[in-house]
Amino acid sequence: MSNNRYQRQICLKQVGEDGQQKLLQAKVAVIGCGALGSSVANNLARAGIGFLRLIDGDTVNISNLHRQQIYSEEDVRQNCNKAVAARKFLLAANSEIEINSFPHYLNQGNAGLALSGVDLIIDATDNFSSRMLINELTIEQNTPWVHGAVLGFEGRVILFQPGQGCYRCLVPSIPSPAIIPKPEEYGVFGPLAVIAGSLQATEAIRYLINPKDYSSRLLSIDIWHQQMQVIGFQRKESCPFCSDLRSGS
């Protein structure tokens, strides 16, 4: 590790030498390398997460560039896969960590392989089916994960801890596709994606450094009106999805 690379992070008492070593030893998977995922991965790579697995089957297009700051027009011209392009960009910023690109969309068939061997998972997807799959697998694998979502000027971020509630405690049922706003029609404010992704990275770092003292809360942002709410979160006793994990069965 370069002596000066993380110096201004290490001097923070909440991190310190011990915390930085925990980050360097951590393994994190980022699912989705779009608006949220590119911001998350950028922050985590520069913070010194020792291993990153970047998961995305999409390619970079011109409409991505206003909010996905790690990509370029050259990536568009070359029709680059996002996970591959992200890896190249991030290794240029930090060659001391290991970054693995998984250039496929997450699905039921490859999720076990894609999410194996990591300490924490970042959900930077934009659809409910992926979130439900992540929720199911993290319950089975007893793995913490950070959910993020953005639309328009609003975003939300929450970290789910094993045994302390799951995504279905927060969203018990999947909304009808007919009423779900589509980002390509509704829009996404570029700076919001950077802020929400940075919050996801912050929650991941906080948890990796000190999981015993971590308390899950839902962060809700309205960036246009400069509003943020911090809402307490607890597992729903009636939740059928994480009850088995809660009981240890």
C-alpha atoms as a PDB file:
ATOM      1  CA  MET A   1       0.000   0.000   0.000  1.00  0.00           C
ATOM      2  CA  SER A   2       1.374   3.420  -0.916  1.00  0.00           C
ATOM      3  CA  ASN A   3       2.144   5.374   2.232  1.00  0.00           C
ATOM      4  CA  ASN A   4       0.336   8.516   1.116  1.00  0.00           C
ATOM      5  CA  ARG A   5      -2.592   7.144  -0.917  1.00  0.00           C
ATOM      6  CA  TYR A   6      -5.043   6.833   1.991  1.00  0.00           C
ATOM      7  CA  GLN A   7      -3.356   9.230   4.409  1.00  0.00           C
ATOM      8  CA  ARG A   8      -6.207  11.741   4.614  1.00  0.00           C
ATOM      9  CA  GLN A   9      -8.685   8.935   5.149  1.00  0.00           C
ATOM     10  CA  ILE A  10      -6.563   7.185   7.767  1.00  0.00           C
ATOM     11  CA  CYS A  11      -6.215  10.381   9.797  1.00  0.00           C
ATOM     12  CA  LEU A  12      -9.983  10.365  10.365  1.00  0.00           C
ATOM     13  CA  LYS A  13     -10.514   8.822  13.783  1.00  0.00           C
ATOM     14  CA  GLN A  14     -13.539   6.888  12.509  1.00  0.00           C
ATOM     15  CA  VAL A  15     -11.241   5.086  10.048  1.00  0.00           C
ATOM     16  CA  GLY A  16      -7.645   4.993  11.301  1.00  0.00           C
ATOM     17  CA  GLU A  17      -5.056   2.384  10.385  1.00  0.00           C
ATOM     18  CA  ASP A  18      -7.232  -0.498  11.593  1.00  0.00           C
ATOM     19  CA  GLY A  19     -10.233   0.663   9.597  1.00  0.00           C
ATOM     20  CA  GLN A  20      -8.165   1.094   6.462  1.00  0.00           C
ATOM     21  CA  GLN A  21      -6.819  -2.426   6.810  1.00  0.00           C
ATOM     22  CA  LYS A  22     -10.390  -3.726   7.058  1.00  0.00           C
ATOM     23  CA  LEU A  23     -11.243  -1.934   3.817  1.00  0.00           C
ATOM     24  CA  LEU A  24      -8.175  -3.318   2.068  1.00  0.00           C
ATOM     25  CA  GLN A  25      -9.183  -6.826   3.114  1.00  0.00           C
ATOM     26  CA  ALA A  26     -12.850  -6.391   2.135  1.00  0.00           C
ATOM     27  CA  LYS A  27     -14.500  -7.939  -0.914  1.00  0.00           C
ATOM     28  CA  VAL A  28     -17.489  -6.119  -2.401  1.00  0.00           C
ATOM     29  CA  ALA A  29     -19.742  -6.852  -5.386  1.00  0.00           C
ATOM     30  CA  VAL A  30     -21.406  -3.947  -7.203  1.00  0.00           C
ATOM     31  CA  ILE A  31     -24.476  -5.004  -9.191  1.00  0.00           C
ATOM     32  CA  GLY A  32     -25.121  -2.499 -11.945  1.00  0.00           C
ATOM     33  CA  CYS A  33     -22.492  -0.073 -13.231  1.00  0.00           C
ATOM     34  CA  GLY A  34     -24.849   2.669 -14.343  1.00  0.00           C
ATOM     35  CA  ALA A  35     -25.768   5.910 -12.599  1.00  0.00           C
ATOM     36  CA  LEU A  36     -25.507   4.608  -9.033  1.00  0.00           C
ATOM     37  CA  GLY A  37     -23.018   1.807  -9.587  1.00  0.00           C
ATOM     38  CA  SER A  38     -20.429   3.938 -11.360  1.00  0.00           C
ATOM     39  CA  SER A  39     -20.489   6.418  -8.471  1.00  0.00           C
ATOM     40  CA  VAL A  40     -20.344   3.671  -5.837  1.00  0.00           C
ATOM     41  CA  ALA A  41     -17.510   1.812  -7.536  1.00  0.00           C
ATOM     42  CA  ASN A  42     -15.522   5.009  -8.033  1.00  0.00           C
ATOM     43  CA  ASN A  43     -15.780   5.867  -4.339  1.00  0.00           C
ATOM     44  CA  LEU A  44     -15.009   2.349  -3.128  1.00  0.00           C
ATOM     45  CA  ALA A  45     -12.005   1.904  -5.412  1.00  0.00           C
ATOM     46  CA  ARG A  46     -10.490   5.193  -4.299  1.00  0.00           C
ATOM     47  CA  ALA A  47     -11.221   4.401  -0.637  1.00  0.00           C
ATOM     48  CA  GLY A  48      -9.178   1.211  -0.932  1.00  0.00           C
ATOM     49  CA  ILE A  49     -11.674  -1.635  -0.963  1.00  0.00           C
ATOM     50  CA  GLY A  50      -9.286  -4.509  -1.673  1.00  0.00           C
ATOM     51  CA  PHE A  51     -11.485  -6.437  -4.100  1.00  0.00           C
ATOM     52  CA  LEU A  52     -14.330  -5.213  -6.282  1.00  0.00           C
ATOM     53  CA  ARG A  53     -16.502  -7.350  -8.548  1.00  0.00           C
ATOM     54  CA  LEU A  54     -18.371  -5.219 -11.090  1.00  0.00           C
ATOM     55  CA  ILE A  55     -21.508  -6.836 -12.542  1.00  0.00           C
ATOM     56  CA  ASP A  56     -23.318  -5.458 -15.593  1.00  0.00           C
ATOM     57  CA  GLY A  57     -24.282  -6.757 -19.033  1.00  0.00           C
ATOM     58  CA  ASP A  58     -25.063  -3.355 -20.533  1.00  0.00           C
ATOM     59  CA  THR A  59     -22.909  -1.258 -22.858  1.00  0.00           C
ATOM     60  CA  VAL A  60     -22.127   2.439 -22.607  1.00  0.00           C
ATOM     61  CA  ASN A  61     -24.317   4.741 -24.706  1.00  0.00           C
ATOM     62  CA  ILE A  62     -24.378   8.486 -25.201  1.00  0.00           C
ATOM     63  CA  SER A  63     -27.395   9.019 -22.917  1.00  0.00           C
ATOM     64  CA  ASN A  64     -25.396   7.610 -19.984  1.00  0.00           C
ATOM     65  CA  LEU A  65     -22.717  10.293 -19.981  1.00  0.00           C
ATOM     66  CA  HIS A  66     -24.656  13.049 -18.227  1.00  0.00           C
ATOM     67  CA  ARG A  67     -24.840  11.046 -15.000  1.00  0.00           C
ATOM     68  CA  GLN A  68     -22.291   8.188 -15.268  1.00  0.00           C
ATOM     69  CA  GLN A  69     -19.061  10.058 -14.742  1.00  0.00           C
ATOM     70  CA  ILE A  70     -16.520   7.276 -15.197  1.00  0.00           C
ATOM     71  CA  TYR A  71     -17.371   6.728 -18.878  1.00  0.00           C
ATOM     72  CA  SER A  72     -16.358   8.657 -21.990  1.00  0.00           C
ATOM     73  CA  GLU A  73     -17.399   9.228 -25.589  1.00  0.00           C
ATOM     74  CA  GLU A  74     -14.664   6.778 -26.575  1.00  0.00           C
ATOM     75  CA  ASP A  75     -16.421   4.073 -24.538  1.00  0.00           C
ATOM     76  CA  VAL A  76     -19.583   4.857 -26.507  1.00  0.00           C
ATOM     77  CA  ARG A  77     -17.784   4.659 -29.854  1.00  0.00           C
ATOM     78  CA  GLN A  78     -16.264   1.294 -28.912  1.00  0.00           C
ATOM     79  CA  ASN A  79     -19.586  -0.024 -27.577  1.00  0.00           C
ATOM     80  CA  CYS A  80     -17.813  -1.005 -24.358  1.00  0.00           C
ATOM     81  CA  ASN A  81     -19.419  -3.176 -21.751  1.00  0.00           C
ATOM     82  CA  LYS A  82     -19.917  -1.084 -18.608  1.00  0.00           C
ATOM     83  CA  ALA A  83     -18.268  -3.529 -16.205  1.00  0.00           C
ATOM     84  CA  VAL A  84     -15.217  -3.786 -18.463  1.00  0.00           C
ATOM     85  CA  ALA A  85     -14.966  -0.018 -19.058  1.00  0.00           C
ATOM     86  CA  ALA A  86     -15.450   0.673 -15.333  1.00  0.00           C
ATOM     87  CA  ARG A  87     -12.660  -1.737 -14.427  1.00  0.00           C
ATOM     88  CA  LYS A  88     -10.256  -0.024 -16.815  1.00  0.00           C
ATOM     89  CA  PHE A  89     -11.128   3.442 -15.476  1.00  0.00           C
ATOM     90  CA  LEU A  90     -10.863   2.429 -11.820  1.00  0.00           C
ATOM     91  CA  LEU A  91      -7.578   0.561 -12.168  1.00  0.00           C
ATOM     92  CA  ALA A  92      -6.117   3.723 -13.680  1.00  0.00           C
ATOM     93  CA  ALA A  93      -7.089   5.475 -10.427  1.00  0.00           C
ATOM     94  CA  ASN A  94      -5.996   2.677  -8.070  1.00  0.00           C
ATOM     95  CA  SER A  95      -3.809  -0.118  -9.413  1.00  0.00           C
ATOM     96  CA  GLU A  96      -3.177  -1.490  -5.914  1.00  0.00           C
ATOM     97  CA  ILE A  97      -6.577  -3.170  -5.585  1.00  0.00           C
ATOM     98  CA  GLU A  98      -8.101  -6.120  -7.432  1.00  0.00           C
ATOM     99  CA  ILE A  99     -11.071  -5.464  -9.715  1.00  0.00           C
ATOM    100  CA  ASN A 100     -12.989  -8.223 -11.462  1.00  0.00           C
ATOM    101  CA  SER A 101     -15.476  -7.467 -14.253  1.00  0.00           C
ATOM    102  CA  PHE A 102     -18.498  -9.748 -14.702  1.00  0.00           C
ATOM    103  CA  PRO A 103     -19.952  -8.518 -18.030  1.00  0.00           C
ATOM    104  CA  HIS A 104     -23.380 -10.127 -17.694  1.00  0.00           C
ATOM    105  CA  TYR A 105     -26.751  -9.132 -16.308  1.00  0.00           C
ATOM    106  CA  LEU A 106     -27.474 -10.729 -12.950  1.00  0.00           C
ATOM    107  CA  ASN A 107     -30.014 -13.544 -13.194  1.00  0.00           C
ATOM    108  CA  GLN A 108     -31.144 -16.637 -11.330  1.00  0.00           C
ATOM    109  CA  GLY A 109     -28.678 -18.809 -13.221  1.00  0.00           C
ATOM    110  CA  ASN A 110     -25.487 -16.808 -12.605  1.00  0.00           C
ATOM    111  CA  ALA A 111     -26.242 -15.019  -9.327  1.00  0.00           C
ATOM    112  CA  GLY A 112     -24.714 -17.709  -7.136  1.00  0.00           C
ATOM    113  CA  LEU A 113     -21.401 -17.425  -8.981  1.00  0.00           C
ATOM    114  CA  ALA A 114     -21.494 -13.646  -9.359  1.00  0.00           C
ATOM    115  CA  LEU A 115     -22.149 -12.996  -5.677  1.00  0.00           C
ATOM    116  CA  SER A 116     -19.995 -15.725  -4.134  1.00  0.00           C
ATOM    117  CA  GLY A 117     -17.094 -14.971  -1.836  1.00  0.00           C
ATOM    118  CA  VAL A 118     -17.883 -11.335  -1.078  1.00  0.00           C
ATOM    119  CA  ASP A 119     -18.368  -9.615   2.269  1.00  0.00           C
ATOM    120  CA  LEU A 120     -20.954  -7.088   1.113  1.00  0.00           C
ATOM    121  CA  ILE A 121     -23.131  -6.436  -1.940  1.00  0.00           C
ATOM    122  CA  ILE A 122     -24.146  -3.121  -3.477  1.00  0.00           C
ATOM    123  CA  ASP A 123     -27.500  -3.001  -5.290  1.00  0.00           C
ATOM    124  CA  ALA A 124     -27.212  -0.363  -8.000  1.00  0.00           C
ATOM    125  CA  THR A 125     -29.892  -1.892 -10.227  1.00  0.00           C
ATOM    126  CA  ASP A 126     -32.994  -0.161 -11.574  1.00  0.00           C
ATOM    127  CA  ASN A 127     -35.644  -2.888 -11.471  1.00  0.00           C
ATOM    128  CA  PHE A 128     -37.629  -4.791  -8.876  1.00  0.00           C
ATOM    129  CA  SER A 129     -36.885  -8.283 -10.216  1.00  0.00           C
ATOM    130  CA  SER A 130     -33.137  -7.813  -9.626  1.00  0.00           C
ATOM    131  CA  ARG A 131     -33.750  -6.432  -6.147  1.00  0.00           C
ATOM    132  CA  MET A 132     -35.946  -9.386  -5.223  1.00  0.00           C
ATOM    133  CA  LEU A 133     -33.270 -11.783  -6.469  1.00  0.00           C
ATOM    134  CA  ILE A 134     -30.577  -9.958  -4.486  1.00  0.00           C
ATOM    135  CA  ASN A 135     -32.802 -10.019  -1.412  1.00  0.00           C
ATOM    136  CA  GLU A 136     -33.355 -13.764  -1.744  1.00  0.00           C
ATOM    137  CA  LEU A 137     -29.681 -14.586  -2.187  1.00  0.00           C
ATOM    138  CA  THR A 138     -28.432 -12.320   0.583  1.00  0.00           C
ATOM    139  CA  ILE A 139     -30.851 -13.962   3.006  1.00  0.00           C
ATOM    140  CA  GLU A 140     -29.606 -17.400   1.943  1.00  0.00           C
ATOM    141  CA  GLN A 141     -25.943 -16.369   2.130  1.00  0.00           C
ATOM    142  CA  ASN A 142     -26.289 -14.225   5.253  1.00  0.00           C
ATOM    143  CA  THR A 143     -24.644 -11.304   3.431  1.00  0.00           C
ATOM    144  CA  PRO A 144     -25.220  -7.594   4.106  1.00  0.00           C
ATOM    145  CA  TRP A 145     -26.194  -5.405   1.165  1.00  0.00           C
ATOM    146  CA  VAL A 146     -26.774  -1.752   0.370  1.00  0.00           C
ATOM    147  CA  HIS A 147     -29.847  -0.851  -1.665  1.00  0.00           C
ATOM    148  CA  GLY A 148     -30.022   2.386  -3.619  1.00  0.00           C
ATOM    149  CA  ALA A 149     -32.608   3.883  -5.968  1.00  0.00           C
ATOM    150  CA  VAL A 150     -32.950   7.209  -7.802  1.00  0.00           C
ATOM    151  CA  LEU A 151     -35.662   8.757  -9.928  1.00  0.00           C
ATOM    152  CA  GLY A 152     -36.144  12.378 -10.900  1.00  0.00           C
ATOM    153  CA  PHE A 153     -34.731  14.425  -8.029  1.00  0.00           C
ATOM    154  CA  GLU A 154     -35.391  11.808  -5.342  1.00  0.00           C
ATOM    155  CA  GLY A 155     -33.333   8.928  -4.057  1.00  0.00           C
ATOM    156  CA  ARG A 156     -33.084   6.488  -1.189  1.00  0.00           C
ATOM    157  CA  VAL A 157     -30.361   4.391   0.380  1.00  0.00           C
ATOM    158  CA  ILE A 158     -30.439   1.680   3.046  1.00  0.00           C
ATOM    159  CA  LEU A 159     -28.136  -1.100   4.233  1.00  0.00           C
ATOM    160  CA  PHE A 160     -29.770  -4.413   5.147  1.00  0.00           C
ATOM    161  CA  GLN A 161     -27.990  -6.418   7.849  1.00  0.00           C
ATOM    162  CA  PRO A 162     -28.341 -10.200   8.156  1.00  0.00           C
ATOM    163  CA  GLY A 163     -31.065 -11.098  10.629  1.00  0.00           C
ATOM    164  CA  GLN A 164     -32.243  -7.507  11.031  1.00  0.00           C
ATOM    165  CA  GLY A 165     -34.719  -7.128   8.202  1.00  0.00           C
ATOM    166  CA  CYS A 166     -34.749  -7.380   4.442  1.00  0.00           C
ATOM    167  CA  TYR A 167     -35.941  -5.527   1.351  1.00  0.00           C
ATOM    168  CA  ARG A 168     -39.353  -7.186   1.581  1.00  0.00           C
ATOM    169  CA  CYS A 169     -39.809  -5.697   5.048  1.00  0.00           C
ATOM    170  CA  LEU A 170     -39.550  -2.338   3.284  1.00  0.00           C
ATOM    171  CA  VAL A 171     -41.373  -3.289   0.059  1.00  0.00           C
ATOM    172  CA  PRO A 172     -43.739  -6.183   0.868  1.00  0.00           C
ATOM    173  CA  SER A 173     -45.105  -6.541  -2.659  1.00  0.00           C
ATOM    174  CA  ILE A 174     -43.871  -5.714  -6.140  1.00  0.00           C
ATOM    175  CA  PRO A 175     -45.800  -2.787  -7.664  1.00  0.00           C
ATOM    176  CA  SER A 176     -47.593  -3.354 -10.941  1.00  0.00           C
ATOM    177  CA  PRO A 177     -45.333  -2.576 -13.933  1.00  0.00           C
ATOM    178  CA  ALA A 178     -48.056  -0.287 -15.228  1.00  0.00           C
ATOM    179  CA  ILE A 179     -47.590   2.142 -12.315  1.00  0.00           C
ATOM    180  CA  ILE A 180     -43.778   2.011 -12.025  1.00  0.00           C
ATOM    181  CA  PRO A 181     -42.230   5.175 -13.505  1.00  0.00           C
ATOM    182  CA  LYS A 182     -39.576   4.440 -16.130  1.00  0.00           C
ATOM    183  CA  PRO A 183     -36.286   6.369 -15.710  1.00  0.00           C
ATOM    184  CA  GLU A 184     -35.998   6.872 -19.475  1.00  0.00           C
ATOM    185  CA  GLU A 185     -39.381   8.635 -19.436  1.00  0.00           C
ATOM    186  CA  TYR A 186     -39.434  10.246 -15.986  1.00  0.00           C
ATOM    187  CA  GLY A 187     -35.774  11.295 -15.959  1.00  0.00           C
ATOM    188  CA  VAL A 188     -32.887  11.210 -13.484  1.00  0.00           C
ATOM    189  CA  PHE A 189     -31.008  14.311 -12.281  1.00  0.00           C
ATOM    190  CA  GLY A 190     -27.294  13.664 -12.815  1.00  0.00           C
ATOM    191  CA  PRO A 191     -25.924  15.107  -9.543  1.00  0.00           C
ATOM    192  CA  LEU A 192     -28.457  13.063  -7.575  1.00  0.00           C
ATOM    193  CA  ALA A 193     -26.957   9.818  -8.873  1.00  0.00           C
ATOM    194  CA  VAL A 194     -23.497  10.896  -7.732  1.00  0.00           C
ATOM    195  CA  ILE A 195     -24.774  11.873  -4.272  1.00  0.00           C
ATOM    196  CA  ALA A 196     -26.878   8.732  -3.764  1.00  0.00           C
ATOM    197  CA  GLY A 197     -24.025   6.530  -4.973  1.00  0.00           C
ATOM    198  CA  SER A 198     -21.663   8.296  -2.569  1.00  0.00           C
ATOM    199  CA  LEU A 199     -24.119   7.642   0.262  1.00  0.00           C
ATOM    200  CA  GLN A 200     -24.234   3.964  -0.675  1.00  0.00           C
ATOM    201  CA  ALA A 201     -20.445   3.837  -0.613  1.00  0.00           C
ATOM    202  CA  THR A 202     -20.429   5.613   2.758  1.00  0.00           C
ATOM    203  CA  GLU A 203     -22.845   3.123   4.295  1.00  0.00           C
ATOM    204  CA  ALA A 204     -20.761   0.236   2.944  1.00  0.00           C
ATOM    205  CA  ILE A 205     -17.540   1.683   4.367  1.00  0.00           C
ATOM    206  CA  ARG A 206     -19.145   2.411   7.746  1.00  0.00           C
ATOM    207  CA  TYR A 207     -20.431  -1.138   7.985  1.00  0.00           C
ATOM    208  CA  LEU A 208     -17.189  -2.780   6.868  1.00  0.00           C
ATOM    209  CA  ILE A 209     -15.186  -0.818   9.418  1.00  0.00           C
ATOM    210  CA  ASN A 210     -17.518  -1.275  12.378  1.00  0.00           C
ATOM    211  CA  PRO A 211     -20.431  -3.665  11.776  1.00  0.00           C
ATOM    212  CA  LYS A 212     -21.147  -4.210  15.471  1.00  0.00           C
ATOM    213  CA  ASP A 213     -22.107  -0.579  16.024  1.00  0.00           C
ATOM    214  CA  TYR A 214     -23.958  -0.144  12.758  1.00  0.00           C
ATOM    215  CA  SER A 215     -27.678   0.701  12.868  1.00  0.00           C
ATOM    216  CA  SER A 216     -29.716   0.489   9.659  1.00  0.00           C
ATOM    217  CA  ARG A 217     -31.667   3.577   8.634  1.00  0.00           C
ATOM    218  CA  LEU A 218     -33.398   4.603   5.440  1.00  0.00           C
ATOM    219  CA  LEU A 219     -31.920   7.758   3.927  1.00  0.00           C
ATOM    220  CA  SER A 220     -34.429   9.585   1.734  1.00  0.00           C
ATOM    221  CA  ILE A 221     -33.271  12.523  -0.412  1.00  0.00           C
ATOM    222  CA  ASP A 222     -35.039  15.247  -2.386  1.00  0.00           C
ATOM    223  CA  ILE A 223     -32.051  17.068  -3.844  1.00  0.00           C
ATOM    224  CA  TRP A 224     -34.015  19.782  -5.673  1.00  0.00           C
ATOM    225  CA  HIS A 225     -35.710  20.937  -2.467  1.00  0.00           C
ATOM    226  CA  GLN A 226     -32.595  20.309  -0.330  1.00  0.00           C
ATOM    227  CA  GLN A 227     -34.354  17.834   1.909  1.00  0.00           C
ATOM    228  CA  MET A 228     -33.094  14.676   3.546  1.00  0.00           C
ATOM    229  CA  GLN A 229     -34.896  12.381   5.949  1.00  0.00           C
ATOM    230  CA  VAL A 230     -33.347   9.671   8.112  1.00  0.00           C
ATOM    231  CA  ILE A 231     -35.989   7.076   8.918  1.00  0.00           C
ATOM    232  CA  GLY A 232     -35.548   4.262  11.422  1.00  0.00           C
ATOM    233  CA  PHE A 233     -35.816   0.737  10.052  1.00  0.00           C
ATOM    234  CA  GLN A 234     -36.704  -2.506  11.804  1.00  0.00           C
ATOM    235  CA  ARG A 235     -37.513  -5.969  10.596  1.00  0.00           C
ATOM    236  CA  LYS A 236     -41.233  -6.670  10.281  1.00  0.00           C
ATOM    237  CA  GLU A 237     -42.083  -9.615  12.486  1.00  0.00           C
ATOM    238  CA  SER A 238     -44.693 -10.664   9.934  1.00  0.00           C
ATOM    239  CA  CYS A 239     -42.218 -10.718   7.020  1.00  0.00           C
ATOM    240  CA  PRO A 240     -42.260 -14.244   5.556  1.00  0.00           C
ATOM    241  CA  PHE A 241     -39.064 -13.709   3.553  1.00  0.00           C
ATOM    242  CA  CYS A 242     -36.510 -13.262   6.343  1.00  0.00           C
ATOM    243  CA  SER A 243     -38.335 -14.996   9.222  1.00  0.00           C
ATOM    244  CA  ASP A 244     -36.391 -18.230   8.793  1.00  0.00           C
ATOM    245  CA  LEU A 245     -33.090 -16.370   9.015  1.00  0.00           C
ATOM    246  CA  ARG A 246     -34.313 -14.499  12.085  1.00  0.00           C
ATOM    247  CA  SER A 247     -35.194 -17.696  13.879  1.00  0.00           C
ATOM    248  CA  GLY A 248     -31.962 -19.405  12.842  1.00  0.00           C
ATOM    249  CA  SER A 249     -33.769 -22.240  11.093  1.00  0.00           C
END
